[in-house]
Structure formats: structure tokens, C-alpha cells
PDB file of N, CA and C in Angstrom:
ATOM      1  N   UNK A   1      81.733  54.128 165.395  1.00  0.00           N
ATOM      2  CA  UNK A   1      82.224  53.400 166.371  1.00  0.00           C
ATOM      3  C   UNK A   1      83.222  52.478 165.577  1.00  0.00           C
ATOM      4  N   UNK A   2      84.501  52.523 165.711  1.00  0.00           N
ATOM      5  CA  UNK A   2      85.709  51.713 165.279  1.00  0.00           C
ATOM      6  C   UNK A   2      85.301  50.296 165.880  1.00  0.00           C
ATOM      7  N   UNK A   3      85.928  49.021 165.169  1.00  0.00           N
ATOM      8  CA  UNK A   3      85.796  48.125 165.662  1.00  0.00           C
ATOM      9  C   UNK A   3      86.803  47.329 165.458  1.00  0.00           C
ATOM     10  N   UNK A   4      87.667  46.592 165.975  1.00  0.00           N
ATOM     11  CA  UNK A   4      88.760  45.503 165.542  1.00  0.00           C
ATOM     12  C   UNK A   4      88.948  44.027 166.452  1.00  0.00           C
ATOM     13  N   UNK A   5      89.226  43.280 165.919  1.00  0.00           N
ATOM     14  CA  UNK A   5      88.796  41.827 166.297  1.00  0.00           C
ATOM     15  C   UNK A   5      89.689  41.491 167.862  1.00  0.00           C
ATOM     16  N   UNK A   6      89.781  41.080 168.375  1.00  0.00           N
ATOM     17  CA  UNK A   6      89.983  40.806 169.425  1.00  0.00           C
ATOM     18  C   UNK A   6      91.436  39.693 169.361  1.00  0.00           C
ATOM     19  N   UNK A   7      91.840  39.243 168.230  1.00  0.00           N
ATOM     20  CA  UNK A   7      93.188  39.411 168.191  1.00  0.00           C
ATOM     21  C   UNK A   7      93.701  40.725 167.728  1.00  0.00           C
ATOM     22  N   UNK A   8      93.418  41.393 167.612  1.00  0.00           N
ATOM     23  CA  UNK A   8      94.107  42.917 166.402  1.00  0.00           C
ATOM     24  C   UNK A   8      93.715  44.059 168.424  1.00  0.00           C
ATOM     25  N   UNK A   9      93.038  43.544 168.976  1.00  0.00           N
ATOM     26  CA  UNK A   9      93.315  44.457 170.472  1.00  0.00           C
ATOM     27  C   UNK A   9      94.352  43.799 170.928  1.00  0.00           C
ATOM     28  N   UNK A  10      94.233  42.337 171.410  1.00  0.00           N
ATOM     29  CA  UNK A  10      95.587  42.125 171.822  1.00  0.00           C
ATOM     30  C   UNK A  10      97.004  42.474 171.099  1.00  0.00           C
ATOM     31  N   UNK A  11      97.113  43.154 169.945  1.00  0.00           N
ATOM     32  CA  UNK A  11      98.399  42.983 169.587  1.00  0.00           C
ATOM     33  C   UNK A  11      98.190  44.808 169.754  1.00  0.00           C
ATOM     34  N   UNK A  12      97.684  45.636 170.474  1.00  0.00           N
ATOM     35  CA  UNK A  12      97.669  46.853 170.307  1.00  0.00           C
ATOM     36  C   UNK A  12      98.915  47.047 171.280  1.00  0.00           C
ATOM     37  N   UNK A  13      99.443  48.229 170.964  1.00  0.00           N
ATOM     38  CA  UNK A  13     101.037  48.181 171.675  1.00  0.00           C
ATOM     39  C   UNK A  13     100.079  49.371 173.245  1.00  0.00           C
ATOM     40  N   UNK A  14     101.305  49.015 174.081  1.00  0.00           N
ATOM     41  CA  UNK A  14     101.191  49.545 175.297  1.00  0.00           C
ATOM     42  C   UNK A  14     100.864  51.277 174.726  1.00  0.00           C
ATOM     43  N   UNK A  15     101.785  51.736 173.803  1.00  0.00           N
ATOM     44  CA  UNK A  15     101.709  53.350 173.738  1.00  0.00           C
ATOM     45  C   UNK A  15     100.365  53.164 172.732  1.00  0.00           C
ATOM     46  N   UNK A  16     100.089  52.862 171.977  1.00  0.00           N
ATOM     47  CA  UNK A  16      98.671  53.018 171.281  1.00  0.00           C
ATOM     48  C   UNK A  16      97.122  52.924 172.095  1.00  0.00           C
ATOM     49  N   UNK A  17      97.323  52.248 173.316  1.00  0.00           N
ATOM     50  CA  UNK A  17      95.940  52.627 174.542  1.00  0.00           C
ATOM     51  C   UNK A  17      96.471  53.218 175.081  1.00  0.00           C
ATOM     52  N   UNK A  18      97.324  53.884 175.147  1.00  0.00           N
ATOM     53  CA  UNK A  18      97.707  55.777 175.831  1.00  0.00           C
ATOM     54  C   UNK A  18      97.550  56.615 174.990  1.00  0.00           C
ATOM     55  N   UNK A  19      97.702  56.627 173.871  1.00  0.00           N
ATOM     56  CA  UNK A  19      97.101  57.641 173.169  1.00  0.00           C
ATOM     57  C   UNK A  19      95.684  57.377 172.874  1.00  0.00           C
ATOM     58  N   UNK A  20      95.126  56.236 172.780  1.00  0.00           N
ATOM     59  CA  UNK A  20      93.742  56.130 172.701  1.00  0.00           C
ATOM     60  C   UNK A  20      92.930  56.748 173.922  1.00  0.00           C
ATOM     61  N   UNK A  21      93.601  56.304 174.950  1.00  0.00           N
ATOM     62  CA  UNK A  21      92.716  57.067 176.089  1.00  0.00           C
ATOM     63  C   UNK A  21      92.875  58.753 176.272  1.00  0.00           C
ATOM     64  N   UNK A  22      93.673  59.632 175.545  1.00  0.00           N
ATOM     65  CA  UNK A  22      94.810  60.603 175.726  1.00  0.00           C
ATOM     66  C   UNK A  22      93.848  61.440 174.434  1.00  0.00           C
ATOM     67  N   UNK A  23      93.523  60.475 173.955  1.00  0.00           N
ATOM     68  CA  UNK A  23      92.761  61.536 172.446  1.00  0.00           C
ATOM     69  C   UNK A  23      91.361  61.362 172.729  1.00  0.00           C
ATOM     70  N   UNK A  24      90.947  60.351 173.725  1.00  0.00           N
ATOM     71  CA  UNK A  24      89.257  60.484 173.514  1.00  0.00           C
ATOM     72  C   UNK A  24      89.441  61.612 175.029  1.00  0.00           C
ATOM     73  N   UNK A  25      90.232  61.647 175.956  1.00  0.00           N
ATOM     74  CA  UNK A  25      90.065  62.838 176.771  1.00  0.00           C
ATOM     75  C   UNK A  25      90.222  61.934 178.327  1.00  0.00           C
ATOM     76  N   UNK A  26      90.691  61.354 178.326  1.00  0.00           N
ATOM     77  CA  UNK A  26      90.063  60.973 179.341  1.00  0.00           C
ATOM     78  C   UNK A  26      91.762  60.363 180.373  1.00  0.00           C
ATOM     79  N   UNK A  27      91.607  60.742 181.671  1.00  0.00           N
ATOM     80  CA  UNK A  27      92.517  60.579 182.895  1.00  0.00           C
ATOM     81  C   UNK A  27      92.798  59.142 183.340  1.00  0.00           C
ATOM     82  N   UNK A  28      93.675  58.658 183.624  1.00  0.00           N
ATOM     83  CA  UNK A  28      93.301  57.306 184.188  1.00  0.00           C
ATOM     84  C   UNK A  28      92.628  57.284 185.252  1.00  0.00           C
ATOM     85  N   UNK A  29      92.664  57.803 185.980  1.00  0.00           N
ATOM     86  CA  UNK A  29      91.289  57.898 187.144  1.00  0.00           C
ATOM     87  C   UNK A  29      90.243  58.235 186.969  1.00  0.00           C
ATOM     88  N   UNK A  30      89.953  59.029 185.837  1.00  0.00           N
ATOM     89  CA  UNK A  30      88.801  58.838 185.154  1.00  0.00           C
ATOM     90  C   UNK A  30      87.992  57.787 184.384  1.00  0.00           C
ATOM     91  N   UNK A  31      88.843  56.990 183.976  1.00  0.00           N
ATOM     92  CA  UNK A  31      88.779  55.545 183.578  1.00  0.00           C
ATOM     93  C   UNK A  31      88.089  54.784 184.638  1.00  0.00           C
ATOM     94  N   UNK A  32      88.593  54.770 185.888  1.00  0.00           N
ATOM     95  CA  UNK A  32      88.144  54.464 186.717  1.00  0.00           C
ATOM     96  C   UNK A  32      86.324  54.396 187.343  1.00  0.00           C
ATOM     97  N   UNK A  33      86.293  56.168 186.887  1.00  0.00           N
ATOM     98  CA  UNK A  33      84.500  56.177 187.131  1.00  0.00           C
ATOM     99  C   UNK A  33      83.794  55.701 185.625  1.00  0.00           C
ATOM    100  N   UNK A  34      84.360  55.551 184.683  1.00  0.00           N
ATOM    101  CA  UNK A  34      83.524  54.850 183.440  1.00  0.00           C
ATOM    102  C   UNK A  34      83.195  53.589 183.481  1.00  0.00           C
ATOM    103  N   UNK A  35      84.755  52.249 184.359  1.00  0.00           N
ATOM    104  CA  UNK A  35      84.488  51.272 183.698  1.00  0.00           C
ATOM    105  C   UNK A  35      84.222  50.211 185.044  1.00  0.00           C
ATOM    106  N   UNK A  36      83.031  49.850 185.549  1.00  0.00           N
ATOM    107  CA  UNK A  36      83.247  49.029 186.579  1.00  0.00           C
ATOM    108  C   UNK A  36      84.274  48.134 186.636  1.00  0.00           C
ATOM    109  N   UNK A  37      84.883  48.227 188.151  1.00  0.00           N
ATOM    110  CA  UNK A  37      86.407  47.176 187.929  1.00  0.00           C
ATOM    111  C   UNK A  37      87.620  47.604 187.493  1.00  0.00           C
ATOM    112  N   UNK A  38      87.749  48.164 186.584  1.00  0.00           N
ATOM    113  CA  UNK A  38      88.903  48.631 186.154  1.00  0.00           C
ATOM    114  C   UNK A  38      89.240  50.037 187.254  1.00  0.00           C
ATOM    115  N   UNK A  39      90.524  50.003 187.476  1.00  0.00           N
ATOM    116  CA  UNK A  39      91.277  50.917 188.373  1.00  0.00           C
ATOM    117  C   UNK A  39      92.370  51.526 187.957  1.00  0.00           C
ATOM    118  N   UNK A  40      93.057  52.368 188.435  1.00  0.00           N
ATOM    119  CA  UNK A  40      94.303  53.362 187.616  1.00  0.00           C
ATOM    120  C   UNK A  40      95.145  52.095 187.663  1.00  0.00           C
ATOM    121  N   UNK A  41      95.597  51.631 188.491  1.00  0.00           N
ATOM    122  CA  UNK A  41      96.247  50.657 187.839  1.00  0.00           C
ATOM    123  C   UNK A  41      96.534  49.927 186.793  1.00  0.00           C
ATOM    124  N   UNK A  42      95.127  49.101 186.785  1.00  0.00           N
ATOM    125  CA  UNK A  42      94.859  48.298 185.725  1.00  0.00           C
ATOM    126  C   UNK A  42      95.535  49.040 184.371  1.00  0.00           C
ATOM    127  N   UNK A  43      95.209  50.204 184.234  1.00  0.00           N
ATOM    128  CA  UNK A  43      95.378  51.403 183.354  1.00  0.00           C
ATOM    129  C   UNK A  43      96.328  51.358 182.989  1.00  0.00           C
ATOM    130  N   UNK A  44      97.107  51.941 183.771  1.00  0.00           N
ATOM    131  CA  UNK A  44      98.653  52.173 184.047  1.00  0.00           C
ATOM    132  C   UNK A  44      99.620  50.473 183.681  1.00  0.00           C
ATOM    133  N   UNK A  45      99.240  49.749 184.326  1.00  0.00           N
ATOM    134  CA  UNK A  45     100.203  48.402 183.622  1.00  0.00           C
ATOM    135  C   UNK A  45      99.800  48.365 182.517  1.00  0.00           C
ATOM    136  N   UNK A  46      98.511  48.543 181.585  1.00  0.00           N
ATOM    137  CA  UNK A  46      98.198  48.208 180.356  1.00  0.00           C
ATOM    138  C   UNK A  46      98.607  49.091 179.282  1.00  0.00           C
ATOM    139  N   UNK A  47      99.230  50.467 180.360  1.00  0.00           N
ATOM    140  CA  UNK A  47     100.144  51.534 179.310  1.00  0.00           C
ATOM    141  C   UNK A  47     101.400  50.925 179.687  1.00  0.00           C
ATOM    142  N   UNK A  48     101.813  50.457 180.334  1.00  0.00           N
ATOM    143  CA  UNK A  48     103.149  50.329 180.319  1.00  0.00           C
ATOM    144  C   UNK A  48     103.716  48.837 179.750  1.00  0.00           C
ATOM    145  N   UNK A  49     102.958  48.152 179.771  1.00  0.00           N
ATOM    146  CA  UNK A  49     103.169  46.469 178.600  1.00  0.00           C
ATOM    147  C   UNK A  49     103.596  45.507 180.111  1.00  0.00           C
ATOM    148  N   UNK A  50     103.242  46.058 181.106  1.00  0.00           N
ATOM    149  CA  UNK A  50     103.943  44.855 182.418  1.00  0.00           C
ATOM    150  C   UNK A  50     102.483  43.919 182.380  1.00  0.00           C
ATOM    151  N   UNK A  51     101.539  44.465 182.187  1.00  0.00           N
ATOM    152  CA  UNK A  51     100.312  43.186 182.447  1.00  0.00           C
ATOM    153  C   UNK A  51      99.085  43.725 181.938  1.00  0.00           C
ATOM    154  N   UNK A  52      98.580  42.657 181.183  1.00  0.00           N
ATOM    155  CA  UNK A  52      97.735  42.513 180.339  1.00  0.00           C
ATOM    156  C   UNK A  52      96.147  42.451 180.238  1.00  0.00           C
ATOM    157  N   UNK A  53      95.083  43.309 180.306  1.00  0.00           N
ATOM    158  CA  UNK A  53      93.850  42.943 181.075  1.00  0.00           C
ATOM    159  C   UNK A  53      93.085  41.837 179.892  1.00  0.00           C
ATOM    160  N   UNK A  54      92.247  41.161 180.739  1.00  0.00           N
ATOM    161  CA  UNK A  54      91.265  40.061 180.065  1.00  0.00           C
ATOM    162  C   UNK A  54      90.746  40.771 178.412  1.00  0.00           C
ATOM    163  N   UNK A  55      90.521  40.309 177.809  1.00  0.00           N
ATOM    164  CA  UNK A  55      90.143  40.171 176.371  1.00  0.00           C
ATOM    165  C   UNK A  55      88.615  41.051 176.499  1.00  0.00           C
ATOM    166  N   UNK A  56      88.265  40.779 177.519  1.00  0.00           N
ATOM    167  CA  UNK A  56      86.707  41.597 177.983  1.00  0.00           C
ATOM    168  C   UNK A  56      86.932  42.818 178.196  1.00  0.00           C
ATOM    169  N   UNK A  57      87.923  43.023 179.087  1.00  0.00           N
ATOM    170  CA  UNK A  57      88.108  44.327 179.625  1.00  0.00           C
ATOM    171  C   UNK A  57      89.049  45.443 178.487  1.00  0.00           C
ATOM    172  N   UNK A  58      89.639  44.357 178.051  1.00  0.00           N
ATOM    173  CA  UNK A  58      90.177  45.508 177.227  1.00  0.00           C
ATOM    174  C   UNK A  58      88.979  46.229 175.825  1.00  0.00           C
ATOM    175  N   UNK A  59      88.356  45.391 175.557  1.00  0.00           N
ATOM    176  CA  UNK A  59      87.180  45.745 174.714  1.00  0.00           C
ATOM    177  C   UNK A  59      86.503  46.550 175.396  1.00  0.00           C
ATOM    178  N   UNK A  60      85.994  46.624 176.915  1.00  0.00           N
ATOM    179  CA  UNK A  60      85.475  47.641 177.334  1.00  0.00           C
ATOM    180  C   UNK A  60      86.164  49.468 177.280  1.00  0.00           C
ATOM    181  N   UNK A  61      87.321  48.831 177.557  1.00  0.00           N
ATOM    182  CA  UNK A  61      88.381  50.214 177.094  1.00  0.00           C
ATOM    183  C   UNK A  61      88.546  50.992 175.714  1.00  0.00           C
ATOM    184  N   UNK A  62      88.432  49.865 175.055  1.00  0.00           N
ATOM    185  CA  UNK A  62      88.084  50.181 173.467  1.00  0.00           C
ATOM    186  C   UNK A  62      87.155  50.888 173.366  1.00  0.00           C
ATOM    187  N   UNK A  63      85.918  50.270 173.410  1.00  0.00           N
ATOM    188  CA  UNK A  63      84.884  51.418 173.241  1.00  0.00           C
ATOM    189  C   UNK A  63      84.860  52.280 173.759  1.00  0.00           C
ATOM    190  N   UNK A  64      85.131  52.277 175.065  1.00  0.00           N
ATOM    191  CA  UNK A  64      85.028  53.518 175.927  1.00  0.00           C
ATOM    192  C   UNK A  64      85.741  54.820 175.156  1.00  0.00           C
ATOM    193  N   UNK A  65      87.210  54.534 174.679  1.00  0.00           N
ATOM    194  CA  UNK A  65      88.153  55.339 174.027  1.00  0.00           C
ATOM    195  C   UNK A  65      88.033  55.710 172.967  1.00  0.00           C
ATOM    196  N   UNK A  66      87.179  55.055 172.460  1.00  0.00           N
ATOM    197  CA  UNK A  66      86.877  55.236 170.574  1.00  0.00           C
ATOM    198  C   UNK A  66      85.189  55.519 170.296  1.00  0.00           C
ATOM    199  N   UNK A  67      84.594  55.778 171.366  1.00  0.00           N
ATOM    200  CA  UNK A  67      83.225  55.951 171.241  1.00  0.00           C
ATOM    201  C   UNK A  67      83.222  57.548 170.391  1.00  0.00           C
ATOM    202  N   UNK A  68      83.927  58.493 170.975  1.00  0.00           N
ATOM    203  CA  UNK A  68      83.883  59.872 170.398  1.00  0.00           C
ATOM    204  C   UNK A  68      85.321  60.123 169.090  1.00  0.00           C
ATOM    205  N   UNK A  69      86.055  58.859 168.970  1.00  0.00           N
ATOM    206  CA  UNK A  69      87.032  59.230 168.293  1.00  0.00           C
ATOM    207  C   UNK A  69      86.665  58.831 166.511  1.00  0.00           C
ATOM    208  N   UNK A  70      86.638  59.214 165.486  1.00  0.00           N
ATOM    209  CA  UNK A  70      86.641  58.556 164.373  1.00  0.00           C
ATOM    210  C   UNK A  70      87.606  57.669 164.022  1.00  0.00           C
ATOM    211  N   UNK A  71      86.507  56.491 163.136  1.00  0.00           N
ATOM    212  CA  UNK A  71      87.612  55.406 162.949  1.00  0.00           C
ATOM    213  C   UNK A  71      89.042  55.763 162.079  1.00  0.00           C
ATOM    214  N   UNK A  72      89.392  56.661 161.596  1.00  0.00           N
ATOM    215  CA  UNK A  72      90.260  57.590 160.657  1.00  0.00           C
ATOM    216  C   UNK A  72      91.736  57.846 161.761  1.00  0.00           C
ATOM    217  N   UNK A  73      91.001  58.325 162.985  1.00  0.00           N
ATOM    218  CA  UNK A  73      91.562  58.621 164.228  1.00  0.00           C
ATOM    219  C   UNK A  73      92.292  56.981 164.770  1.00  0.00           C
ATOM    220  N   UNK A  74      91.079  56.312 165.110  1.00  0.00           N
ATOM    221  CA  UNK A  74      91.398  54.857 165.721  1.00  0.00           C
ATOM    222  C   UNK A  74      92.370  54.590 164.788  1.00  0.00           C
ATOM    223  N   UNK A  75      92.051  53.572 163.574  1.00  0.00           N
ATOM    224  CA  UNK A  75      93.639  53.655 162.300  1.00  0.00           C
ATOM    225  C   UNK A  75      94.888  54.010 162.776  1.00  0.00           C
ATOM    226  N   UNK A  76      94.708  55.221 162.519  1.00  0.00           N
ATOM    227  CA  UNK A  76      95.762  56.090 163.017  1.00  0.00           C
ATOM    228  C   UNK A  76      96.635  55.484 164.096  1.00  0.00           C
ATOM    229  N   UNK A  77      96.049  55.880 165.354  1.00  0.00           N
ATOM    230  CA  UNK A  77      96.576  55.612 166.093  1.00  0.00           C
ATOM    231  C   UNK A  77      97.304  54.302 166.780  1.00  0.00           C
ATOM    232  N   UNK A  78      96.338  53.033 166.162  1.00  0.00           N
ATOM    233  CA  UNK A  78      96.364  51.540 166.885  1.00  0.00           C
ATOM    234  C   UNK A  78      97.354  51.021 165.427  1.00  0.00           C
ATOM    235  N   UNK A  79      97.158  51.625 164.300  1.00  0.00           N
ATOM    236  CA  UNK A  79      98.655  51.041 163.037  1.00  0.00           C
ATOM    237  C   UNK A  79      99.661  51.517 163.370  1.00  0.00           C
ATOM    238  N   UNK A  80     100.054  53.058 163.472  1.00  0.00           N
ATOM    239  CA  UNK A  80     101.503  53.413 163.575  1.00  0.00           C
ATOM    240  C   UNK A  80     102.015  53.761 164.803  1.00  0.00           C
ATOM    241  N   UNK A  81     101.178  53.639 166.281  1.00  0.00           N
ATOM    242  CA  UNK A  81     101.935  52.977 167.473  1.00  0.00           C
ATOM    243  C   UNK A  81     101.722  52.146 168.230  1.00  0.00           C
TER     244      UNK A  81
END
């Protein structure tokens, strides 16, 4: 599983968050079912850049999204977007 330091998670762009989610095969509503306390609106705001989630929530989402992705995929999405 890919890992990023907390500062790196804070630096992920809204587009990178969206691309990670889509690459992992999740629709916004599906994330609600996977992560307790996160609703579609939270995901939408994170991906639009209008609101940041706590670092703990970002870590949960990052771990969910990257569980099935290779380190190379995660690096490409986080570095170039």
C-alpha cells in the first residue's frame, strides 16, 4: 500500500483526490458506505477545494482509495495532478 506523510496528504490537490477515488472505483456515495462519518458532501467539498477534512479523515480516504492501486499509480496521480 502506498503511503504519504501528513504534509503530503495536505498538499494533494482536489483533482488528485478525485482521480484517486475514481481510479479506485468509488463513486462519492459509495465512500459514505465505506468510511464511517464521511458523507458524500465531505467528498465533494474535498474534491472541489472548498473545504478540507481533518488529517485523520484524509488518511482514511487515502488508505481506502489506494488499497487496490499500485505505488506507481498513486505517485503519478499525486505528483502530476
